[in-house]
Amino acid sequence: MKREVNEETGLVVEDCAQIGITSFKYPWDYQQWHFNQHICVFYRINEVKGNIKNEVEQFTGQDSLGALSVPLTKLTIANSSPLVLKAKEILLEPASFDLTDQTFKTWQVLDKPVF
C-alpha cells in the first residue's frame, strides 16, 4: 500500500492503519468478460511526507496519471469511482464502514475526472 501511494501520488506514507475490506462489482467489457470485481482494502493514512504530484512517472502497467487534492463535498458518482465514494463515506462517518460487497449494474469508467 505504501508503495502504491508513493507511485501514484508522490507522497511517502509514514503512519497508517488498516480499516477494513470490501469489494465492488461493475460492468466492464474485456475479452469474454462483462463484469469486473475490485477487492478493496481500506487504510487510514495518518501521516505523510512530501507533496502531491499532479503528474507521475509513466511506465508499462502504470494505472495513474497523477493525483490532486479535492474537497470531499465535490466527490460524486459523476466524477469518482465507487471506491473513492466509499473512502469519502468512511472519512465523513468513521463508524459506518459497511463490509457488504456492492454491485453496480451501470457505471462508466472515467478517463479523467472533471471537478
N, C-alpha and C. Protein backbone atom coordinates (compact mmCIF):
# COMPACT_ATOMS: atom_id res chain seq x y z
N MET A 1 0.83 -1.17 0.00
CA MET A 1 0.00 0.00 0.00
C MET A 1 0.88 1.25 0.00
N LYS A 2 1.93 1.23 0.80
CA LYS A 2 2.80 2.40 0.86
C LYS A 2 3.46 2.66 -0.49
N ARG A 3 3.88 1.59 -1.18
CA ARG A 3 4.50 1.75 -2.49
C ARG A 3 3.50 2.32 -3.49
N GLU A 4 2.25 1.82 -3.48
CA GLU A 4 1.22 2.32 -4.39
C GLU A 4 0.94 3.80 -4.16
N VAL A 5 0.81 4.20 -2.92
CA VAL A 5 0.55 5.61 -2.61
C VAL A 5 1.69 6.47 -3.15
N ASN A 6 2.92 6.04 -2.91
CA ASN A 6 4.07 6.81 -3.40
C ASN A 6 4.11 6.84 -4.91
N GLU A 7 3.89 5.70 -5.55
CA GLU A 7 3.95 5.60 -7.01
C GLU A 7 2.88 6.47 -7.67
N GLU A 8 1.69 6.52 -7.09
CA GLU A 8 0.57 7.20 -7.74
C GLU A 8 0.36 8.64 -7.29
N THR A 9 0.96 9.05 -6.17
CA THR A 9 0.75 10.41 -5.68
C THR A 9 2.04 11.18 -5.41
N GLY A 10 3.15 10.46 -5.22
CA GLY A 10 4.39 11.10 -4.84
C GLY A 10 4.56 11.24 -3.34
N LEU A 11 3.52 10.91 -2.56
CA LEU A 11 3.59 11.02 -1.10
C LEU A 11 4.25 9.80 -0.48
N VAL A 12 4.91 9.99 0.66
CA VAL A 12 5.52 8.90 1.41
C VAL A 12 4.70 8.71 2.68
N VAL A 13 4.10 7.52 2.82
CA VAL A 13 3.27 7.21 3.99
C VAL A 13 4.17 6.93 5.18
N GLU A 14 3.97 7.67 6.26
CA GLU A 14 4.74 7.50 7.49
C GLU A 14 3.98 6.68 8.54
N ASP A 15 2.65 6.83 8.58
CA ASP A 15 1.84 6.14 9.58
C ASP A 15 0.47 5.82 8.98
N CYS A 16 0.03 4.55 9.13
CA CYS A 16 -1.27 4.15 8.60
C CYS A 16 -1.82 2.97 9.40
N ALA A 17 -3.12 2.71 9.22
CA ALA A 17 -3.77 1.57 9.87
C ALA A 17 -4.86 1.03 8.95
N GLN A 18 -4.96 -0.30 8.88
CA GLN A 18 -5.99 -0.90 8.05
C GLN A 18 -7.36 -0.70 8.69
N ILE A 19 -8.36 -0.35 7.85
CA ILE A 19 -9.72 -0.11 8.33
C ILE A 19 -10.61 -1.31 8.07
N GLY A 20 -10.56 -1.87 6.85
CA GLY A 20 -11.41 -2.99 6.51
C GLY A 20 -11.34 -3.32 5.03
N ILE A 21 -12.09 -4.36 4.63
CA ILE A 21 -12.06 -4.87 3.27
C ILE A 21 -13.49 -5.02 2.75
N THR A 22 -13.70 -4.67 1.50
CA THR A 22 -14.98 -4.88 0.82
C THR A 22 -14.69 -5.04 -0.67
N SER A 23 -15.72 -5.20 -1.49
CA SER A 23 -15.50 -5.30 -2.93
C SER A 23 -16.61 -4.60 -3.70
N PHE A 24 -16.28 -4.27 -4.95
CA PHE A 24 -17.20 -3.61 -5.86
C PHE A 24 -17.23 -4.40 -7.16
N LYS A 25 -18.42 -4.66 -7.69
CA LYS A 25 -18.58 -5.29 -9.00
C LYS A 25 -19.26 -4.27 -9.90
N TYR A 26 -18.79 -4.17 -11.15
CA TYR A 26 -19.35 -3.19 -12.07
C TYR A 26 -19.16 -3.67 -13.51
N PRO A 27 -19.98 -3.15 -14.45
CA PRO A 27 -19.85 -3.53 -15.86
C PRO A 27 -18.49 -3.11 -16.41
N TRP A 28 -17.90 -4.04 -17.17
CA TRP A 28 -16.58 -3.77 -17.74
C TRP A 28 -16.34 -4.81 -18.82
N ASP A 29 -16.31 -4.41 -20.06
CA ASP A 29 -16.13 -5.35 -21.15
C ASP A 29 -14.65 -5.53 -21.46
N TYR A 30 -14.20 -6.77 -21.31
CA TYR A 30 -12.81 -7.12 -21.61
C TYR A 30 -12.78 -8.57 -22.05
N GLN A 31 -12.35 -8.80 -23.28
CA GLN A 31 -12.34 -10.13 -23.88
C GLN A 31 -13.72 -10.78 -23.71
N GLN A 32 -13.81 -11.93 -23.04
CA GLN A 32 -15.11 -12.59 -22.88
C GLN A 32 -15.84 -12.18 -21.60
N TRP A 33 -15.28 -11.30 -20.79
CA TRP A 33 -15.89 -10.91 -19.53
C TRP A 33 -16.68 -9.61 -19.68
N HIS A 34 -17.74 -9.49 -18.88
CA HIS A 34 -18.60 -8.31 -18.95
C HIS A 34 -18.80 -7.65 -17.60
N PHE A 35 -18.14 -8.17 -16.58
CA PHE A 35 -18.18 -7.57 -15.24
C PHE A 35 -16.79 -7.65 -14.65
N ASN A 36 -16.46 -6.71 -13.79
CA ASN A 36 -15.19 -6.72 -13.09
C ASN A 36 -15.47 -6.63 -11.59
N GLN A 37 -14.58 -7.16 -10.80
CA GLN A 37 -14.72 -7.05 -9.34
C GLN A 37 -13.40 -6.56 -8.77
N HIS A 38 -13.48 -5.48 -8.00
CA HIS A 38 -12.33 -4.96 -7.27
C HIS A 38 -12.49 -5.32 -5.81
N ILE A 39 -11.51 -6.02 -5.27
CA ILE A 39 -11.47 -6.27 -3.83
C ILE A 39 -10.61 -5.16 -3.25
N CYS A 40 -11.17 -4.42 -2.31
CA CYS A 40 -10.53 -3.20 -1.82
C CYS A 40 -10.19 -3.31 -0.34
N VAL A 41 -8.95 -3.02 -0.01
CA VAL A 41 -8.50 -2.94 1.37
C VAL A 41 -8.32 -1.46 1.67
N PHE A 42 -9.06 -0.96 2.67
CA PHE A 42 -9.01 0.45 3.02
C PHE A 42 -8.08 0.67 4.21
N TYR A 43 -7.27 1.73 4.10
CA TYR A 43 -6.36 2.14 5.16
C TYR A 43 -6.64 3.58 5.51
N ARG A 44 -6.48 3.92 6.75
CA ARG A 44 -6.48 5.33 7.17
C ARG A 44 -5.02 5.75 7.21
N ILE A 45 -4.68 6.74 6.41
CA ILE A 45 -3.32 7.26 6.40
C ILE A 45 -3.28 8.44 7.36
N ASN A 46 -2.49 8.30 8.41
CA ASN A 46 -2.44 9.31 9.46
C ASN A 46 -1.36 10.36 9.25
N GLU A 47 -0.29 9.97 8.54
CA GLU A 47 0.82 10.91 8.35
C GLU A 47 1.54 10.61 7.05
N VAL A 48 1.82 11.66 6.28
CA VAL A 48 2.59 11.53 5.03
C VAL A 48 3.66 12.60 4.99
N LYS A 49 4.65 12.35 4.13
CA LYS A 49 5.68 13.35 3.84
C LYS A 49 5.65 13.61 2.34
N GLY A 50 6.02 14.82 1.96
CA GLY A 50 6.10 15.15 0.55
C GLY A 50 4.91 15.96 0.08
N ASN A 51 4.85 16.12 -1.23
CA ASN A 51 3.79 16.89 -1.86
C ASN A 51 3.11 16.04 -2.93
N ILE A 52 1.81 16.26 -3.12
CA ILE A 52 1.07 15.54 -4.15
C ILE A 52 1.60 15.95 -5.52
N LYS A 53 1.86 14.92 -6.35
CA LYS A 53 2.32 15.18 -7.72
C LYS A 53 1.13 15.12 -8.66
N ASN A 54 0.95 16.19 -9.45
CA ASN A 54 -0.13 16.22 -10.43
C ASN A 54 0.14 15.26 -11.59
N GLU A 55 1.40 14.97 -11.84
CA GLU A 55 1.79 14.01 -12.88
C GLU A 55 2.81 13.07 -12.27
N VAL A 56 2.69 11.78 -12.61
CA VAL A 56 3.64 10.79 -12.10
C VAL A 56 4.32 10.07 -13.26
N GLU A 57 5.42 9.42 -12.97
CA GLU A 57 6.17 8.68 -13.97
C GLU A 57 5.26 7.65 -14.64
N GLN A 58 5.31 7.60 -15.97
CA GLN A 58 4.53 6.63 -16.72
C GLN A 58 5.42 5.47 -17.13
N PHE A 59 4.91 4.24 -16.98
CA PHE A 59 5.63 3.03 -17.34
C PHE A 59 4.60 1.95 -17.64
N THR A 60 5.00 0.86 -18.24
CA THR A 60 4.09 -0.23 -18.55
C THR A 60 3.45 -0.72 -17.26
N GLY A 61 2.12 -0.72 -17.21
CA GLY A 61 1.41 -1.16 -16.02
C GLY A 61 1.00 -0.02 -15.09
N GLN A 62 1.49 1.19 -15.35
CA GLN A 62 1.11 2.33 -14.51
C GLN A 62 -0.38 2.60 -14.69
N ASP A 63 -1.11 2.72 -13.59
CA ASP A 63 -2.56 2.94 -13.68
C ASP A 63 -2.96 4.29 -13.10
N SER A 64 -2.03 5.23 -13.09
CA SER A 64 -2.31 6.56 -12.56
C SER A 64 -1.70 7.62 -13.46
N LEU A 65 -2.41 8.72 -13.61
CA LEU A 65 -1.87 9.87 -14.33
C LEU A 65 -1.32 10.90 -13.36
N GLY A 66 -1.59 10.70 -12.06
CA GLY A 66 -1.17 11.64 -11.04
C GLY A 66 -2.29 11.81 -10.03
N ALA A 67 -2.16 12.79 -9.18
CA ALA A 67 -3.15 12.99 -8.11
C ALA A 67 -3.45 14.46 -7.94
N LEU A 68 -4.59 14.74 -7.32
CA LEU A 68 -4.91 16.10 -6.94
C LEU A 68 -5.77 16.04 -5.69
N SER A 69 -5.72 17.11 -4.94
CA SER A 69 -6.49 17.21 -3.70
C SER A 69 -7.84 17.82 -4.04
N VAL A 70 -8.92 17.13 -3.63
CA VAL A 70 -10.28 17.57 -3.95
C VAL A 70 -11.09 17.60 -2.66
N PRO A 71 -11.83 18.66 -2.40
CA PRO A 71 -12.69 18.68 -1.20
C PRO A 71 -13.71 17.54 -1.26
N LEU A 72 -13.98 16.91 -0.13
CA LEU A 72 -14.92 15.79 -0.08
C LEU A 72 -16.28 16.16 -0.67
N THR A 73 -16.71 17.39 -0.46
CA THR A 73 -18.02 17.82 -0.94
C THR A 73 -18.13 17.79 -2.47
N LYS A 74 -17.01 17.81 -3.16
CA LYS A 74 -17.02 17.82 -4.63
C LYS A 74 -17.01 16.41 -5.23
N LEU A 75 -16.82 15.37 -4.41
CA LEU A 75 -16.77 14.00 -4.92
C LEU A 75 -18.17 13.43 -5.09
N THR A 76 -18.50 13.01 -6.34
CA THR A 76 -19.80 12.44 -6.66
C THR A 76 -19.61 11.24 -7.59
N ILE A 77 -20.67 10.47 -7.83
CA ILE A 77 -20.58 9.34 -8.75
C ILE A 77 -20.28 9.80 -10.17
N ALA A 78 -20.56 11.05 -10.49
CA ALA A 78 -20.28 11.58 -11.83
C ALA A 78 -18.80 11.83 -12.07
N ASN A 79 -18.00 11.99 -10.99
CA ASN A 79 -16.58 12.29 -11.17
C ASN A 79 -15.64 11.37 -10.40
N SER A 80 -16.20 10.36 -9.73
CA SER A 80 -15.38 9.49 -8.88
C SER A 80 -15.85 8.04 -8.99
N SER A 81 -14.98 7.15 -8.63
CA SER A 81 -15.34 5.72 -8.63
C SER A 81 -16.08 5.37 -7.34
N PRO A 82 -16.78 4.23 -7.35
CA PRO A 82 -17.42 3.77 -6.11
C PRO A 82 -16.41 3.59 -4.97
N LEU A 83 -15.20 3.21 -5.29
CA LEU A 83 -14.16 3.05 -4.27
C LEU A 83 -13.85 4.40 -3.61
N VAL A 84 -13.73 5.45 -4.39
CA VAL A 84 -13.47 6.79 -3.85
C VAL A 84 -14.64 7.24 -2.99
N LEU A 85 -15.85 6.96 -3.43
CA LEU A 85 -17.03 7.37 -2.65
C LEU A 85 -17.12 6.59 -1.34
N LYS A 86 -16.66 5.33 -1.33
CA LYS A 86 -16.61 4.56 -0.08
C LYS A 86 -15.60 5.19 0.87
N ALA A 87 -14.45 5.62 0.35
CA ALA A 87 -13.46 6.30 1.19
C ALA A 87 -14.03 7.59 1.76
N LYS A 88 -14.77 8.34 0.94
CA LYS A 88 -15.42 9.56 1.41
C LYS A 88 -16.38 9.25 2.55
N GLU A 89 -17.18 8.20 2.38
CA GLU A 89 -18.13 7.78 3.42
C GLU A 89 -17.41 7.47 4.73
N ILE A 90 -16.29 6.77 4.64
CA ILE A 90 -15.52 6.41 5.83
C ILE A 90 -14.97 7.66 6.51
N LEU A 91 -14.47 8.61 5.72
CA LEU A 91 -13.92 9.84 6.30
C LEU A 91 -15.00 10.67 6.99
N LEU A 92 -16.20 10.71 6.41
CA LEU A 92 -17.28 11.51 6.99
C LEU A 92 -17.97 10.81 8.16
N GLU A 93 -18.05 9.48 8.10
CA GLU A 93 -18.71 8.68 9.15
C GLU A 93 -17.84 7.48 9.49
N PRO A 94 -16.76 7.67 10.26
CA PRO A 94 -15.80 6.59 10.52
C PRO A 94 -16.40 5.30 11.08
N ALA A 95 -17.45 5.41 11.86
CA ALA A 95 -18.05 4.21 12.46
C ALA A 95 -18.99 3.48 11.50
N SER A 96 -19.19 4.01 10.30
CA SER A 96 -20.18 3.45 9.39
C SER A 96 -19.61 2.50 8.34
N PHE A 97 -18.38 2.04 8.48
CA PHE A 97 -17.77 1.19 7.45
C PHE A 97 -18.61 -0.07 7.25
N ASP A 98 -19.17 -0.22 6.05
CA ASP A 98 -20.03 -1.35 5.70
C ASP A 98 -19.22 -2.31 4.84
N LEU A 99 -19.05 -3.54 5.30
CA LEU A 99 -18.25 -4.53 4.59
C LEU A 99 -19.01 -5.22 3.47
N THR A 100 -20.29 -4.91 3.30
CA THR A 100 -21.11 -5.56 2.28
C THR A 100 -20.57 -5.26 0.88
N ASP A 101 -20.39 -6.33 0.07
CA ASP A 101 -19.99 -6.14 -1.32
C ASP A 101 -21.08 -5.37 -2.04
N GLN A 102 -20.67 -4.51 -2.97
CA GLN A 102 -21.64 -3.73 -3.74
C GLN A 102 -21.54 -4.08 -5.21
N THR A 103 -22.70 -4.18 -5.87
CA THR A 103 -22.75 -4.42 -7.31
C THR A 103 -23.44 -3.24 -7.98
N PHE A 104 -22.79 -2.71 -9.01
CA PHE A 104 -23.35 -1.60 -9.79
C PHE A 104 -23.73 -2.16 -11.16
N LYS A 105 -25.02 -2.09 -11.50
CA LYS A 105 -25.47 -2.59 -12.80
C LYS A 105 -25.03 -1.65 -13.91
N THR A 106 -24.87 -0.38 -13.59
CA THR A 106 -24.34 0.59 -14.55
C THR A 106 -23.32 1.46 -13.81
N TRP A 107 -22.24 1.73 -14.47
CA TRP A 107 -21.24 2.68 -14.01
C TRP A 107 -20.20 2.80 -15.10
N GLN A 108 -19.93 4.01 -15.52
CA GLN A 108 -19.00 4.28 -16.59
C GLN A 108 -17.61 4.56 -16.00
N VAL A 109 -16.63 3.80 -16.45
CA VAL A 109 -15.25 4.04 -16.02
C VAL A 109 -14.82 5.37 -16.63
N LEU A 110 -14.29 6.26 -15.82
CA LEU A 110 -13.90 7.59 -16.28
C LEU A 110 -12.47 7.60 -16.80
N ASP A 111 -12.25 8.34 -17.88
CA ASP A 111 -10.90 8.52 -18.38
C ASP A 111 -10.16 9.53 -17.52
N LYS A 112 -10.81 10.65 -17.25
CA LYS A 112 -10.20 11.70 -16.43
C LYS A 112 -11.34 12.46 -15.76
N PRO A 113 -11.39 12.46 -14.43
CA PRO A 113 -12.49 13.16 -13.75
C PRO A 113 -12.42 14.66 -13.94
N VAL A 114 -13.60 15.27 -13.92
CA VAL A 114 -13.71 16.73 -14.04
C VAL A 114 -14.37 17.26 -12.77
N PHE A 115 -13.75 18.25 -12.14
CA PHE A 115 -14.30 18.82 -10.90
C PHE A 115 -14.67 20.25 -11.12
